[in-house]
Amino acid sequence: MSDYFEEVMRKLTIEDVSILGWLFQNEANAVFKAIKKSSIADELEYSTANFRKTLNKLEAIHFIGTVTGGKEHKLYLTEYGQQAVQQAILQGEENEGVEEI
C-alpha cells in the first residue's frame, strides 16, 4: 500500500502541494477546522478552472475533504493529506542535505 501512496505523491503538481501546504499551515486538519473554499481561492489566486481542477483531484485521492451543508463549502486536510504534507516536508529536508556537484 505504501507503494501506491508513493506513486500518488510523485504525481502531485505544484498547485496540489501549494493547496495542501496552505491548509496545513492554517491548521485546517479536521472537519470543525475547515476553511471556506473562497478564502483559499482568494489567498492562492489560481484561475478558477485550475483551482477547481486541483480541488477535484485532491478530493478524489482523499487528500482533502469537503464540508457541505452550509452556505459555502469548506475544505480540510484528511489524514492522508496530512501524511502527504509531512512526507513532502521530510523529503524537502532530505534534499537540502544533498550537495550539488
Protein backbone atom coordinates (compact mmCIF):
# COMPACT_ATOMS: atom_id res chain seq x y z
CA MET A 1 0.00 0.00 0.00
CA SER A 2 2.88 2.38 0.66
CA ASP A 3 3.98 1.91 -2.98
CA TYR A 4 0.61 3.27 -4.09
CA PHE A 5 0.94 6.24 -1.74
CA GLU A 6 4.44 6.93 -3.06
CA GLU A 7 3.16 6.86 -6.65
CA VAL A 8 0.33 9.27 -5.83
CA MET A 9 2.82 11.58 -4.13
CA ARG A 10 5.07 11.60 -7.21
CA LYS A 11 2.16 12.72 -9.39
CA LEU A 12 1.29 15.79 -7.30
CA THR A 13 1.70 19.12 -9.07
CA ILE A 14 2.99 22.35 -7.55
CA GLU A 15 -0.62 23.56 -7.31
CA ASP A 16 -1.60 20.40 -5.42
CA VAL A 17 1.24 20.81 -2.96
CA SER A 18 0.53 24.53 -2.54
CA ILE A 19 -3.08 23.91 -1.54
CA LEU A 20 -2.12 21.07 0.80
CA GLY A 21 0.61 23.22 2.35
CA TRP A 22 -1.74 26.19 2.76
CA LEU A 23 -4.32 24.05 4.55
CA PHE A 24 -1.57 22.56 6.73
CA GLN A 25 -0.17 25.97 7.68
CA ASN A 26 -3.64 27.23 8.54
CA GLU A 27 -4.30 24.11 10.64
CA ALA A 28 -7.36 23.00 8.64
CA ASN A 29 -6.82 19.40 9.69
CA ALA A 30 -10.29 18.44 10.93
CA VAL A 31 -13.90 18.94 9.87
CA PHE A 32 -14.51 21.55 12.56
CA LYS A 33 -11.38 23.49 11.45
CA ALA A 34 -12.35 23.54 7.76
CA ILE A 35 -11.78 26.79 5.84
CA LYS A 36 -14.08 28.37 3.28
CA LYS A 37 -13.21 27.44 -0.28
CA SER A 38 -13.48 31.10 -1.36
CA SER A 39 -10.93 32.15 1.29
CA ILE A 40 -8.43 29.63 -0.06
CA ALA A 41 -9.09 30.73 -3.65
CA ASP A 42 -8.58 34.38 -2.75
CA GLU A 43 -5.33 33.65 -0.95
CA LEU A 44 -3.77 31.44 -3.65
CA GLU A 45 -5.01 33.43 -6.68
CA TYR A 46 -5.22 30.49 -9.12
CA SER A 47 -7.50 30.68 -12.14
CA THR A 48 -10.99 29.40 -11.37
CA ALA A 49 -10.56 26.44 -13.72
CA ASN A 50 -7.16 25.47 -12.30
CA PHE A 51 -8.41 25.83 -8.72
CA ARG A 52 -11.42 23.58 -9.38
CA LYS A 53 -9.33 21.00 -11.24
CA THR A 54 -6.83 20.85 -8.40
CA LEU A 55 -9.52 20.55 -5.71
CA ASN A 56 -11.29 17.79 -7.65
CA LYS A 57 -8.05 15.84 -7.93
CA LEU A 58 -7.15 16.25 -4.24
CA GLU A 59 -10.65 15.24 -3.18
CA ALA A 60 -10.62 12.20 -5.50
CA ILE A 61 -7.40 10.91 -3.93
CA HIS A 62 -8.79 11.67 -0.44
CA PHE A 63 -6.14 14.24 0.48
CA ILE A 64 -8.77 16.89 1.22
CA GLY A 65 -12.33 16.67 2.46
CA THR A 66 -15.27 18.98 1.80
CA VAL A 67 -17.80 20.11 4.37
CA THR A 68 -21.14 20.79 2.74
CA GLY A 69 -24.46 21.85 4.15
CA GLY A 70 -23.69 25.48 4.81
CA LYS A 71 -23.98 28.44 2.51
CA GLU A 72 -20.41 27.90 1.36
CA HIS A 73 -18.34 24.72 1.12
CA LYS A 74 -15.32 24.38 3.39
CA LEU A 75 -12.15 22.33 2.95
CA TYR A 76 -9.84 20.50 5.32
CA LEU A 77 -6.88 18.12 5.16
CA THR A 78 -7.76 14.48 5.63
CA GLU A 79 -5.44 12.09 7.44
CA TYR A 80 -3.96 11.09 4.05
CA GLY A 81 -3.44 14.74 3.15
CA GLN A 82 -1.64 15.35 6.42
CA GLN A 83 0.62 12.36 5.74
CA ALA A 84 1.35 13.71 2.25
CA VAL A 85 2.38 17.12 3.62
CA GLN A 86 4.54 15.58 6.33
CA GLN A 87 6.23 13.31 3.80
CA ALA A 88 6.83 16.24 1.44
CA ILE A 89 8.42 18.18 4.31
CA LEU A 90 10.69 15.24 5.16
CA GLN A 91 11.71 14.82 1.53
CA GLY A 92 12.46 18.53 1.31
CA GLU A 93 14.68 18.33 4.40
CA GLU A 94 16.49 15.31 2.96
CA ASN A 95 17.07 17.13 -0.33
CA GLU A 96 18.54 20.13 1.49
CA GLY A 97 21.26 17.88 2.87
CA VAL A 98 22.33 16.75 -0.62
CA GLU A 99 25.24 18.72 -2.04
CA GLU A 100 25.19 19.70 -5.70
CA ILE A 101 28.19 18.66 -7.77
